[in-house]
Amino acid sequence: MGTSLQEYANALRHHDWWHMMSDDGSVVRRGKAAEAKLVGERQLSRNHDRLWTLAVESNRYAMEESHWRFAGAYLWVFGVKLAPEELKTKCMRDNGMPDWTKILALL
């Protein structure tokens, strides 16, 4: 059996997206192995693939709206459905970015 969508969402949220920038070779190796596993698991379903795409956009390209799209998709995986503006109203930091402490409190 493959990774559940909730497990996959959590793995994406906790992944070290900048492992390749480390001076520590063991961090780079672990990060590459973890990312390879995530890439393989994205093929489990269309929802896994979509979460992967949103996580990459959010963490590698760091566009503000992509952070919110990933946060909304993360909540959706756990059964919480909020309109984008409602999510921003409830969970925005002063800098305009998602506050994950507030997001997780919605679960």
C-alpha atoms as a PDB file:
ATOM      1  CA  MET A   1       0.000   0.000   0.000  1.00  0.00           C
ATOM      2  CA  GLY A   2       1.208   3.481  -0.792  1.00  0.00           C
ATOM      3  CA  THR A   3       1.519   6.581   1.306  1.00  0.00           C
ATOM      4  CA  SER A   4      -1.824   8.098   2.322  1.00  0.00           C
ATOM      5  CA  LEU A   5      -2.559  11.589   1.100  1.00  0.00           C
ATOM      6  CA  GLN A   6      -2.345  12.924   4.659  1.00  0.00           C
ATOM      7  CA  GLU A   7       1.052  11.294   5.234  1.00  0.00           C
ATOM      8  CA  TYR A   8       2.257  12.667   1.903  1.00  0.00           C
ATOM      9  CA  ALA A   9       1.030  16.184   2.731  1.00  0.00           C
ATOM     10  CA  ASN A  10       2.893  16.064   6.050  1.00  0.00           C
ATOM     11  CA  ALA A  11       6.053  14.739   4.388  1.00  0.00           C
ATOM     12  CA  LEU A  12       5.943  17.600   1.879  1.00  0.00           C
ATOM     13  CA  ARG A  13       5.379  20.175   4.611  1.00  0.00           C
ATOM     14  CA  HIS A  14       8.355  18.899   6.640  1.00  0.00           C
ATOM     15  CA  HIS A  15      10.727  18.206   3.737  1.00  0.00           C
ATOM     16  CA  ASP A  16      14.024  20.127   3.711  1.00  0.00           C
ATOM     17  CA  TRP A  17      13.561  21.868   0.366  1.00  0.00           C
ATOM     18  CA  TRP A  18      17.004  23.467   0.559  1.00  0.00           C
ATOM     19  CA  HIS A  19      19.058  20.372   1.442  1.00  0.00           C
ATOM     20  CA  MET A  20      21.239  20.909  -1.634  1.00  0.00           C
ATOM     21  CA  MET A  21      22.566  24.143  -0.137  1.00  0.00           C
ATOM     22  CA  SER A  22      24.042  22.423   2.929  1.00  0.00           C
ATOM     23  CA  ASP A  23      27.787  22.161   3.491  1.00  0.00           C
ATOM     24  CA  ASP A  24      27.167  18.831   5.214  1.00  0.00           C
ATOM     25  CA  GLY A  25      27.260  15.974   2.733  1.00  0.00           C
ATOM     26  CA  SER A  26      25.084  13.757   4.911  1.00  0.00           C
ATOM     27  CA  VAL A  27      22.328  16.410   4.884  1.00  0.00           C
ATOM     28  CA  VAL A  28      22.533  16.571   1.089  1.00  0.00           C
ATOM     29  CA  ARG A  29      22.377  12.759   0.749  1.00  0.00           C
ATOM     30  CA  ARG A  30      19.432  12.435   3.152  1.00  0.00           C
ATOM     31  CA  GLY A  31      17.622  15.279   1.405  1.00  0.00           C
ATOM     32  CA  LYS A  32      18.157  13.736  -2.032  1.00  0.00           C
ATOM     33  CA  ALA A  33      16.906  10.351  -0.823  1.00  0.00           C
ATOM     34  CA  ALA A  34      13.841  11.893   0.826  1.00  0.00           C
ATOM     35  CA  GLU A  35      13.078  13.934  -2.289  1.00  0.00           C
ATOM     36  CA  ALA A  36      13.449  10.895  -4.549  1.00  0.00           C
ATOM     37  CA  LYS A  37      10.903   9.082  -2.361  1.00  0.00           C
ATOM     38  CA  LEU A  38       8.510  12.046  -2.568  1.00  0.00           C
ATOM     39  CA  VAL A  39       8.896  12.210  -6.350  1.00  0.00           C
ATOM     40  CA  GLY A  40       8.114   8.512  -6.626  1.00  0.00           C
ATOM     41  CA  GLU A  41       5.067   8.802  -4.382  1.00  0.00           C
ATOM     42  CA  ARG A  42       3.623  11.674  -6.378  1.00  0.00           C
ATOM     43  CA  GLN A  43       2.572   9.076  -8.951  1.00  0.00           C
ATOM     44  CA  LEU A  44       0.214   7.355  -6.486  1.00  0.00           C
ATOM     45  CA  SER A  45      -2.733   9.577  -7.446  1.00  0.00           C
ATOM     46  CA  ARG A  46      -3.684  12.827  -9.117  1.00  0.00           C
ATOM     47  CA  ASN A  47      -4.026  14.366  -5.659  1.00  0.00           C
ATOM     48  CA  HIS A  48      -0.508  13.273  -4.678  1.00  0.00           C
ATOM     49  CA  ASP A  49       0.786  14.790  -7.915  1.00  0.00           C
ATOM     50  CA  ARG A  50      -1.076  18.051  -7.335  1.00  0.00           C
ATOM     51  CA  LEU A  51       0.248  18.337  -3.779  1.00  0.00           C
ATOM     52  CA  TRP A  52       3.780  17.775  -5.097  1.00  0.00           C
ATOM     53  CA  THR A  53       3.349  20.518  -7.683  1.00  0.00           C
ATOM     54  CA  LEU A  54       1.962  22.985  -5.133  1.00  0.00           C
ATOM     55  CA  ALA A  55       4.704  22.179  -2.616  1.00  0.00           C
ATOM     56  CA  VAL A  56       7.442  22.682  -5.223  1.00  0.00           C
ATOM     57  CA  GLU A  57       5.940  26.003  -6.311  1.00  0.00           C
ATOM     58  CA  SER A  58       5.608  27.111  -2.701  1.00  0.00           C
ATOM     59  CA  ASN A  59       9.069  26.073  -1.524  1.00  0.00           C
ATOM     60  CA  ARG A  60      11.328  26.422  -4.536  1.00  0.00           C
ATOM     61  CA  TYR A  61       9.864  29.419  -6.316  1.00  0.00           C
ATOM     62  CA  ALA A  62       8.502  31.127  -3.199  1.00  0.00           C
ATOM     63  CA  MET A  63       5.709  33.013  -4.926  1.00  0.00           C
ATOM     64  CA  GLU A  64       3.339  34.388  -2.288  1.00  0.00           C
ATOM     65  CA  GLU A  65       0.169  32.965  -3.814  1.00  0.00           C
ATOM     66  CA  SER A  66       1.735  29.518  -4.146  1.00  0.00           C
ATOM     67  CA  HIS A  67       2.260  29.429  -0.367  1.00  0.00           C
ATOM     68  CA  TRP A  68      -1.461  29.994   0.092  1.00  0.00           C
ATOM     69  CA  ARG A  69      -2.409  27.408  -2.549  1.00  0.00           C
ATOM     70  CA  PHE A  70      -0.310  24.757  -0.777  1.00  0.00           C
ATOM     71  CA  ALA A  71      -1.774  25.732   2.613  1.00  0.00           C
ATOM     72  CA  GLY A  72      -5.318  25.445   1.223  1.00  0.00           C
ATOM     73  CA  ALA A  73      -4.569  22.075  -0.375  1.00  0.00           C
ATOM     74  CA  TYR A  74      -2.972  20.852   2.854  1.00  0.00           C
ATOM     75  CA  LEU A  75      -6.119  21.712   4.802  1.00  0.00           C
ATOM     76  CA  TRP A  76      -8.320  20.134   2.123  1.00  0.00           C
ATOM     77  CA  VAL A  77      -6.448  16.837   2.538  1.00  0.00           C
ATOM     78  CA  PHE A  78      -7.504  16.857   6.195  1.00  0.00           C
ATOM     79  CA  GLY A  79     -11.127  17.739   5.406  1.00  0.00           C
ATOM     80  CA  VAL A  80     -10.985  21.480   6.092  1.00  0.00           C
ATOM     81  CA  LYS A  81     -12.358  23.524   3.206  1.00  0.00           C
ATOM     82  CA  LEU A  82     -11.956  27.289   3.360  1.00  0.00           C
ATOM     83  CA  ALA A  83     -12.267  29.926   0.668  1.00  0.00           C
ATOM     84  CA  PRO A  84      -8.873  31.519  -0.071  1.00  0.00           C
ATOM     85  CA  GLU A  85      -9.829  34.856   1.481  1.00  0.00           C
ATOM     86  CA  GLU A  86     -11.159  33.178   4.619  1.00  0.00           C
ATOM     87  CA  LEU A  87      -7.907  31.227   4.959  1.00  0.00           C
ATOM     88  CA  LYS A  88      -5.899  34.427   4.618  1.00  0.00           C
ATOM     89  CA  THR A  89      -8.093  36.238   7.143  1.00  0.00           C
ATOM     90  CA  LYS A  90      -7.667  33.486   9.729  1.00  0.00           C
ATOM     91  CA  CYS A  91      -4.034  32.511   9.137  1.00  0.00           C
ATOM     92  CA  MET A  92      -1.987  35.408   7.773  1.00  0.00           C
ATOM     93  CA  ARG A  93       1.182  36.641   9.433  1.00  0.00           C
ATOM     94  CA  ASP A  94       2.049  40.343   9.460  1.00  0.00           C
ATOM     95  CA  ASN A  95       4.328  39.750   6.456  1.00  0.00           C
ATOM     96  CA  GLY A  96       1.464  38.360   4.356  1.00  0.00           C
ATOM     97  CA  MET A  97       2.623  34.757   4.535  1.00  0.00           C
ATOM     98  CA  PRO A  98       0.741  31.773   5.975  1.00  0.00           C
ATOM     99  CA  ASP A  99       1.110  31.161   9.705  1.00  0.00           C
ATOM    100  CA  TRP A 100       1.390  27.379   9.983  1.00  0.00           C
ATOM    101  CA  THR A 101       0.656  27.408  13.705  1.00  0.00           C
ATOM    102  CA  LYS A 102      -2.754  28.925  12.944  1.00  0.00           C
ATOM    103  CA  ILE A 103      -3.274  26.640   9.948  1.00  0.00           C
ATOM    104  CA  LEU A 104      -2.592  23.529  12.007  1.00  0.00           C
ATOM    105  CA  ALA A 105      -4.941  24.795  14.715  1.00  0.00           C
ATOM    106  CA  LEU A 106      -7.772  24.516  12.162  1.00  0.00           C
ATOM    107  CA  LEU A 107      -7.339  20.737  11.950  1.00  0.00           C
END
